């Protein structure tokens, strides 16, 4: 019998598992993939907060010094983060392997190539579902599931002189190729991640987007696809001694689709709350966590606006003098 079983070995699961084991909980992580860096789906772009929390290997990151925004008609605005806010592109596999090694060192047991079942809860005093946007834990144990998604697709190709500088992150507003979100080009050393995300029912056309953005696609080394929940925190995220977290909980910004920072931050807290519950007869974890979850009310309103904003309004907005200040506020806060 384990104190804690976690389903899912990505950011949330690895952070919770390592911290729980450090505190003394007998912890098991179950992952249906064959290894921690298989079948990657995230772009792996870190904010400065996520960087500070996760402390990835320095050789696995690339500092972004400026963000270039492009309107549908390709007007360009450059915004630069201040000294307290940065973006980092990463070797995502390396970052996850480092977190995995930390968890193993802390004493976490791993079982790869195994799926969750109704019997999994019998192995633990408490279970956490950190198994992604389409959570099996939620399905099996009758918890709420995400209903609103972006569908993202990304390719990794060579970053030639025809593409972008290694310290720049390009974001493209275009309903034609990225309805409800953006397209992006993010460099990592000699590679370039080119991607788009769209709301449900819209077609993904990476080649067409790259041509629109003037990006050259050479040899494709890797492709990633996945669901990005954008509906906010699901209604029923806990039941008995089962708790959802990360993407499974909807712990993703409805506006930006970013979830790594908040997943890592809440991961450390979640582990400590579960420890207190199991070892010190503390309050139920769901009640404590419910008081600190982000609600994102304003970002949900902005999400509704972006879903229905025509390209011409983006084109006009890019020509308003104070638009860069607004964009910086949205991007960096």
Protein backbone atom coordinates (compact mmCIF):
# COMPACT_ATOMS: atom_id res chain seq x y z
CA UNK A 1 0.00 0.00 0.00
CA UNK A 2 1.29 3.43 -1.01
CA UNK A 3 0.49 6.69 0.69
CA UNK A 4 0.10 8.39 -2.66
CA UNK A 5 -0.44 7.17 -6.22
CA UNK A 6 -0.11 9.75 -9.00
CA UNK A 7 -1.38 9.04 -12.49
CA UNK A 8 0.70 10.93 -15.05
CA UNK A 9 4.41 11.75 -15.23
CA UNK A 10 4.51 15.22 -16.72
CA UNK A 11 5.11 18.51 -14.90
CA UNK A 12 2.33 18.24 -12.31
CA UNK A 13 2.84 14.59 -11.51
CA UNK A 14 6.63 14.82 -11.28
CA UNK A 15 6.61 17.92 -9.07
CA UNK A 16 3.99 16.51 -6.69
CA UNK A 17 5.68 13.12 -6.59
CA UNK A 18 9.16 14.43 -5.81
CA UNK A 19 7.94 16.78 -3.09
CA UNK A 20 5.67 14.15 -1.52
CA UNK A 21 8.55 11.64 -1.39
CA UNK A 22 10.86 14.27 0.10
CA UNK A 23 8.30 14.76 2.86
CA UNK A 24 8.27 11.04 3.56
CA UNK A 25 5.20 9.77 1.71
CA UNK A 26 5.51 6.40 0.00
CA UNK A 27 4.78 7.53 -3.55
CA UNK A 28 4.08 5.73 -6.83
CA UNK A 29 3.71 7.37 -10.25
CA UNK A 30 1.89 5.44 -12.98
CA UNK A 31 2.43 6.55 -16.57
CA UNK A 32 0.98 4.91 -19.68
CA UNK A 33 3.89 6.12 -21.83
CA UNK A 34 6.98 3.90 -21.93
CA UNK A 35 9.26 6.67 -20.62
CA UNK A 36 8.97 10.19 -19.30
CA UNK A 37 10.12 11.91 -22.51
CA UNK A 38 8.06 9.83 -24.97
CA UNK A 39 5.17 11.26 -27.01
CA UNK A 40 5.78 14.89 -26.02
CA UNK A 41 2.83 17.23 -26.59
CA UNK A 42 3.75 20.54 -24.99
CA UNK A 43 5.83 23.23 -26.69
CA UNK A 44 7.89 23.37 -23.49
CA UNK A 45 8.07 27.17 -23.37
CA UNK A 46 8.72 28.35 -19.80
CA UNK A 47 7.95 31.67 -18.17
CA UNK A 48 10.37 33.12 -15.66
CA UNK A 49 8.19 31.87 -12.77
CA UNK A 50 8.25 28.32 -14.13
CA UNK A 51 12.01 28.58 -14.66
CA UNK A 52 12.56 29.58 -11.03
CA UNK A 53 10.35 26.79 -9.71
CA UNK A 54 11.58 23.96 -11.91
CA UNK A 55 15.26 24.95 -12.17
CA UNK A 56 15.87 23.20 -15.50
CA UNK A 57 19.41 22.38 -16.66
CA UNK A 58 20.95 25.55 -18.11
CA UNK A 59 22.17 23.62 -21.15
CA UNK A 60 18.53 22.76 -21.90
CA UNK A 61 17.16 26.31 -22.18
CA UNK A 62 17.30 29.25 -24.56
CA UNK A 63 16.60 32.78 -23.30
CA UNK A 64 14.05 34.79 -25.27
CA UNK A 65 14.80 38.52 -25.20
CA UNK A 66 11.97 39.84 -27.32
CA UNK A 67 8.52 38.87 -28.55
CA UNK A 68 7.48 39.86 -32.06
CA UNK A 69 3.74 40.14 -32.60
CA UNK A 70 2.33 40.08 -36.13
CA UNK A 71 -1.15 41.19 -37.15
CA UNK A 72 -3.10 39.25 -39.79
CA UNK A 73 -1.76 41.66 -42.45
CA UNK A 74 1.77 41.12 -41.02
CA UNK A 75 2.29 44.45 -39.27
CA UNK A 76 5.01 43.80 -36.68
CA UNK A 77 5.22 45.02 -33.08
CA UNK A 78 8.16 44.09 -30.86
CA UNK A 79 7.77 43.98 -27.10
CA UNK A 80 10.52 43.20 -24.65
CA UNK A 81 10.15 41.75 -21.16
CA UNK A 82 11.68 43.58 -18.23
CA UNK A 83 14.38 42.17 -15.96
CA UNK A 84 11.81 40.34 -13.86
CA UNK A 85 10.01 38.46 -16.63
CA UNK A 86 11.47 36.20 -19.27
CA UNK A 87 10.50 33.44 -21.65
CA UNK A 88 12.66 30.37 -22.25
CA UNK A 89 12.43 27.82 -25.02
CA UNK A 90 13.65 24.41 -23.92
CA UNK A 91 14.74 20.93 -24.75
CA UNK A 92 11.53 19.62 -23.20
CA UNK A 93 12.66 16.00 -23.03
CA UNK A 94 15.76 17.01 -21.09
CA UNK A 95 13.73 19.14 -18.66
CA UNK A 96 11.33 16.27 -17.94
CA UNK A 97 14.18 13.78 -17.54
CA UNK A 98 15.76 16.06 -14.94
CA UNK A 99 12.49 16.22 -13.00
CA UNK A 100 12.19 12.44 -13.28
CA UNK A 101 15.71 11.96 -11.90
CA UNK A 102 14.90 14.26 -9.00
CA UNK A 103 11.78 12.23 -8.22
CA UNK A 104 13.68 8.94 -8.36
CA UNK A 105 16.35 10.36 -6.06
CA UNK A 106 13.63 11.42 -3.62
CA UNK A 107 12.34 7.84 -3.54
CA UNK A 108 9.40 7.86 -5.97
CA UNK A 109 8.55 4.49 -7.53
CA UNK A 110 7.62 4.56 -11.23
CA UNK A 111 5.61 2.14 -13.35
CA UNK A 112 5.74 3.04 -17.04
CA UNK A 113 3.56 1.49 -19.73
CA UNK A 114 0.66 1.11 -17.30
CA UNK A 115 -2.81 2.66 -17.50
CA UNK A 116 -5.04 3.64 -14.62
CA UNK A 117 -8.01 1.42 -13.75
CA UNK A 118 -10.76 1.32 -11.14
CA UNK A 119 -8.46 -0.88 -9.05
CA UNK A 120 -5.66 1.72 -8.90
CA UNK A 121 -7.21 3.48 -5.93
CA UNK A 122 -6.89 0.25 -3.95
CA UNK A 123 -3.10 0.67 -4.00
CA UNK A 124 -3.12 4.02 -2.22
CA UNK A 125 -4.45 6.07 0.65
CA UNK A 126 -4.73 9.00 -1.76
CA UNK A 127 -4.66 9.35 -5.55
CA UNK A 128 -3.89 12.31 -7.80
CA UNK A 129 -4.96 12.43 -11.45
CA UNK A 130 -2.33 14.38 -13.36
CA UNK A 131 -3.02 12.57 -16.62
CA UNK A 132 -3.71 15.37 -19.05
CA UNK A 133 -6.58 17.24 -20.66
CA UNK A 134 -8.55 14.09 -21.55
CA UNK A 135 -8.18 12.51 -18.10
CA UNK A 136 -8.81 8.79 -17.64
CA UNK A 137 -8.91 9.34 -13.88
CA UNK A 138 -11.80 11.77 -14.33
CA UNK A 139 -13.64 9.32 -16.61
CA UNK A 140 -13.17 6.25 -14.41
CA UNK A 141 -13.98 7.89 -11.08
CA UNK A 142 -16.82 10.16 -12.17
CA UNK A 143 -15.13 13.53 -11.93
CA UNK A 144 -15.66 16.47 -14.28
CA UNK A 145 -13.78 16.63 -17.57
CA UNK A 146 -12.62 19.52 -19.68
CA UNK A 147 -15.13 20.48 -22.37
CA UNK A 148 -13.47 23.44 -24.11
CA UNK A 149 -10.20 22.98 -25.94
CA UNK A 150 -7.70 24.34 -28.35
CA UNK A 151 -6.11 21.78 -30.64
CA UNK A 152 -2.41 22.42 -31.07
CA UNK A 153 0.07 21.10 -33.59
CA UNK A 154 3.78 21.86 -33.78
CA UNK A 155 6.68 20.81 -35.98
CA UNK A 156 10.41 21.08 -35.26
CA UNK A 157 12.60 21.99 -38.20
CA UNK A 158 15.94 23.65 -38.94
CA UNK A 159 16.23 27.31 -37.99
CA UNK A 160 17.94 28.69 -41.07
CA UNK A 161 18.83 32.27 -41.91
CA UNK A 162 15.43 32.46 -43.60
CA UNK A 163 13.62 32.13 -40.29
CA UNK A 164 14.09 34.04 -37.01
CA UNK A 165 16.77 35.13 -34.52
CA UNK A 166 17.53 32.72 -31.71
CA UNK A 167 16.49 35.23 -29.02
CA UNK A 168 13.10 36.10 -30.56
CA UNK A 169 9.68 34.50 -30.13
CA UNK A 170 7.26 35.25 -32.96
CA UNK A 171 3.50 35.21 -32.46
CA UNK A 172 1.04 35.54 -35.34
CA UNK A 173 -2.60 36.58 -35.09
CA UNK A 174 -4.49 35.04 -38.00
CA UNK A 175 -7.97 33.58 -38.03
CA UNK A 176 -7.21 31.94 -41.34
CA UNK A 177 -4.61 29.62 -39.81
CA UNK A 178 -5.06 29.94 -36.04
CA UNK A 179 -8.71 30.62 -35.30
CA UNK A 180 -9.17 31.38 -31.61
CA UNK A 181 -5.48 31.46 -30.79
CA UNK A 182 -2.17 32.29 -32.51
CA UNK A 183 0.50 30.74 -34.63
CA UNK A 184 4.06 30.79 -33.33
CA UNK A 185 7.71 30.33 -34.20
CA UNK A 186 10.00 29.61 -31.26
CA UNK A 187 13.74 28.97 -31.71
CA UNK A 188 15.84 26.57 -29.69
CA UNK A 189 19.52 26.62 -30.70
CA UNK A 190 19.62 25.44 -34.34
CA UNK A 191 16.00 24.24 -34.39
CA UNK A 192 12.72 26.09 -34.81
CA UNK A 193 9.34 25.12 -33.37
CA UNK A 194 6.56 26.19 -35.74
CA UNK A 195 3.05 25.70 -34.46
CA UNK A 196 -0.57 26.72 -34.49
CA UNK A 197 -3.56 26.08 -32.26
CA UNK A 198 -7.20 26.37 -33.25
CA UNK A 199 -10.58 26.02 -31.60
CA UNK A 200 -12.59 22.86 -32.20
CA UNK A 201 -13.91 22.45 -35.72
CA UNK A 202 -11.15 24.44 -37.44
CA UNK A 203 -8.56 22.88 -39.72
CA UNK A 204 -4.83 22.93 -38.96
CA UNK A 205 -2.60 23.86 -41.89
CA UNK A 206 1.00 24.18 -40.73
CA UNK A 207 2.39 24.47 -44.25
CA UNK A 208 -0.06 27.23 -45.16
CA UNK A 209 0.69 29.06 -41.92
CA UNK A 210 4.45 28.87 -42.50
CA UNK A 211 4.03 30.34 -45.98
CA UNK A 212 1.85 33.12 -44.57
CA UNK A 213 4.49 33.91 -41.93
CA UNK A 214 7.43 33.65 -44.34
CA UNK A 215 8.94 30.71 -42.47
CA UNK A 216 10.98 28.07 -44.22
CA UNK A 217 10.19 24.44 -43.39
CA UNK A 218 13.14 22.14 -43.99
CA UNK A 219 13.60 18.68 -42.61
CA UNK A 220 11.02 17.88 -39.93
CA UNK A 221 12.65 16.27 -36.89
CA UNK A 222 9.64 16.04 -34.60
CA UNK A 223 5.89 16.70 -34.53
CA UNK A 224 3.74 17.31 -31.46
CA UNK A 225 -0.04 17.49 -31.16
CA UNK A 226 -2.32 17.83 -28.19
CA UNK A 227 -5.38 19.29 -26.53
CA UNK A 228 -5.11 22.55 -24.59
CA UNK A 229 -7.98 23.03 -22.10
CA UNK A 230 -9.24 26.62 -22.06
CA UNK A 231 -12.44 26.38 -20.03
CA UNK A 232 -10.86 27.02 -16.65
CA UNK A 233 -11.07 24.81 -13.55
CA UNK A 234 -13.50 21.89 -13.96
CA UNK A 235 -16.49 21.82 -11.60
CA UNK A 236 -15.89 18.55 -9.76
CA UNK A 237 -12.14 18.01 -9.44
CA UNK A 238 -12.14 15.90 -6.26
CA UNK A 239 -14.02 12.95 -4.84
CA UNK A 240 -13.26 11.01 -1.66
CA UNK A 241 -9.46 10.63 -1.65
CA UNK A 242 -9.02 11.41 -5.36
CA UNK A 243 -7.89 14.79 -6.69
CA UNK A 244 -7.35 16.07 -10.23
CA UNK A 245 -4.58 18.55 -11.00
CA UNK A 246 -2.75 20.10 -13.95
CA UNK A 247 -4.46 19.88 -17.33
CA UNK A 248 -6.86 17.26 -15.97
CA UNK A 249 -8.19 19.90 -13.57
CA UNK A 250 -8.27 22.61 -16.24
CA UNK A 251 -5.36 24.37 -14.53
CA UNK A 252 -4.47 26.28 -17.70
CA UNK A 253 -4.87 29.95 -18.53
CA UNK A 254 -8.01 30.30 -20.69
CA UNK A 255 -6.31 33.12 -22.58
CA UNK A 256 -2.71 32.04 -23.22
CA UNK A 257 -3.12 28.28 -22.86
CA UNK A 258 -0.10 28.27 -20.54
CA UNK A 259 -0.15 25.83 -17.64
CA UNK A 260 3.40 24.81 -16.72
CA UNK A 261 4.03 27.58 -14.19
CA UNK A 262 0.77 27.23 -12.28
CA UNK A 263 1.01 23.41 -12.40
CA UNK A 264 4.48 23.52 -10.86
CA UNK A 265 3.53 26.10 -8.24
CA UNK A 266 0.39 24.25 -7.18
CA UNK A 267 2.27 20.95 -7.35
CA UNK A 268 4.56 21.84 -4.47
CA UNK A 269 1.62 23.10 -2.42
CA UNK A 270 -0.53 20.06 -3.24
CA UNK A 271 2.13 17.63 -2.03
CA UNK A 272 2.42 19.44 1.29
CA UNK A 273 -1.36 19.59 1.75
CA UNK A 274 -1.69 15.84 1.06
CA UNK A 275 1.16 15.12 3.50
CA UNK A 276 -0.58 17.16 6.19
CA UNK A 277 -3.86 15.34 5.51
CA UNK A 278 -2.37 11.84 5.63
CA UNK A 279 0.18 12.28 8.42
CA UNK A 280 -1.21 15.03 10.65
CA UNK A 281 -4.97 14.56 10.23
CA UNK A 282 -5.09 17.87 8.39
CA UNK A 283 -8.05 19.21 6.40
CA UNK A 284 -9.22 17.56 3.19
CA UNK A 285 -6.86 18.59 0.37
CA UNK A 286 -9.66 19.61 -1.99
CA UNK A 287 -11.05 22.11 0.53
CA UNK A 288 -7.66 23.74 1.04
CA UNK A 289 -6.74 23.80 -2.65
CA UNK A 290 -10.16 25.16 -3.60
CA UNK A 291 -9.35 28.37 -1.72
CA UNK A 292 -6.18 29.08 -3.73
CA UNK A 293 -7.15 28.03 -7.26
CA UNK A 294 -7.02 30.75 -9.93
CA UNK A 295 -10.43 31.69 -11.32
CA UNK A 296 -9.28 33.67 -14.37
CA UNK A 297 -12.55 35.61 -14.70
CA UNK A 298 -11.05 38.43 -16.77
CA UNK A 299 -9.05 36.03 -18.93
CA UNK A 300 -12.23 34.04 -19.62
CA UNK A 301 -13.85 37.23 -20.90
CA UNK A 302 -10.83 37.94 -23.10
CA UNK A 303 -10.99 34.35 -24.35
CA UNK A 304 -14.58 34.91 -25.50
CA UNK A 305 -13.47 38.04 -27.29
CA UNK A 306 -10.59 36.34 -29.09
CA UNK A 307 -12.83 33.47 -30.16
CA UNK A 308 -15.05 35.93 -32.05
CA UNK A 309 -12.61 38.69 -33.03
CA UNK A 310 -12.32 39.14 -36.83
CA UNK A 311 -8.92 39.73 -38.41
CA UNK A 312 -9.75 43.30 -39.32
CA UNK A 313 -10.07 44.25 -35.64
CA UNK A 314 -6.63 42.80 -34.96
CA UNK A 315 -5.26 44.79 -37.91
CA UNK A 316 -6.81 47.98 -36.52
CA UNK A 317 -5.65 47.23 -32.99
CA UNK A 318 -2.03 46.89 -34.08
CA UNK A 319 -2.18 50.47 -35.32
CA UNK A 320 -3.40 51.97 -32.04
CA UNK A 321 -0.47 53.73 -30.31
CA UNK A 322 -1.07 52.17 -26.88
CA UNK A 323 -1.55 48.62 -28.22
CA UNK A 324 2.04 47.53 -27.37
CA UNK A 325 1.47 48.47 -23.72
CA UNK A 326 -1.73 46.42 -23.65
CA UNK A 327 0.00 43.49 -25.32
CA UNK A 328 2.88 43.60 -22.85
CA UNK A 329 0.43 43.56 -19.95
CA UNK A 330 -1.35 40.51 -21.36
CA UNK A 331 1.80 38.64 -22.36
CA UNK A 332 3.90 39.22 -19.27
CA UNK A 333 1.36 39.11 -16.44
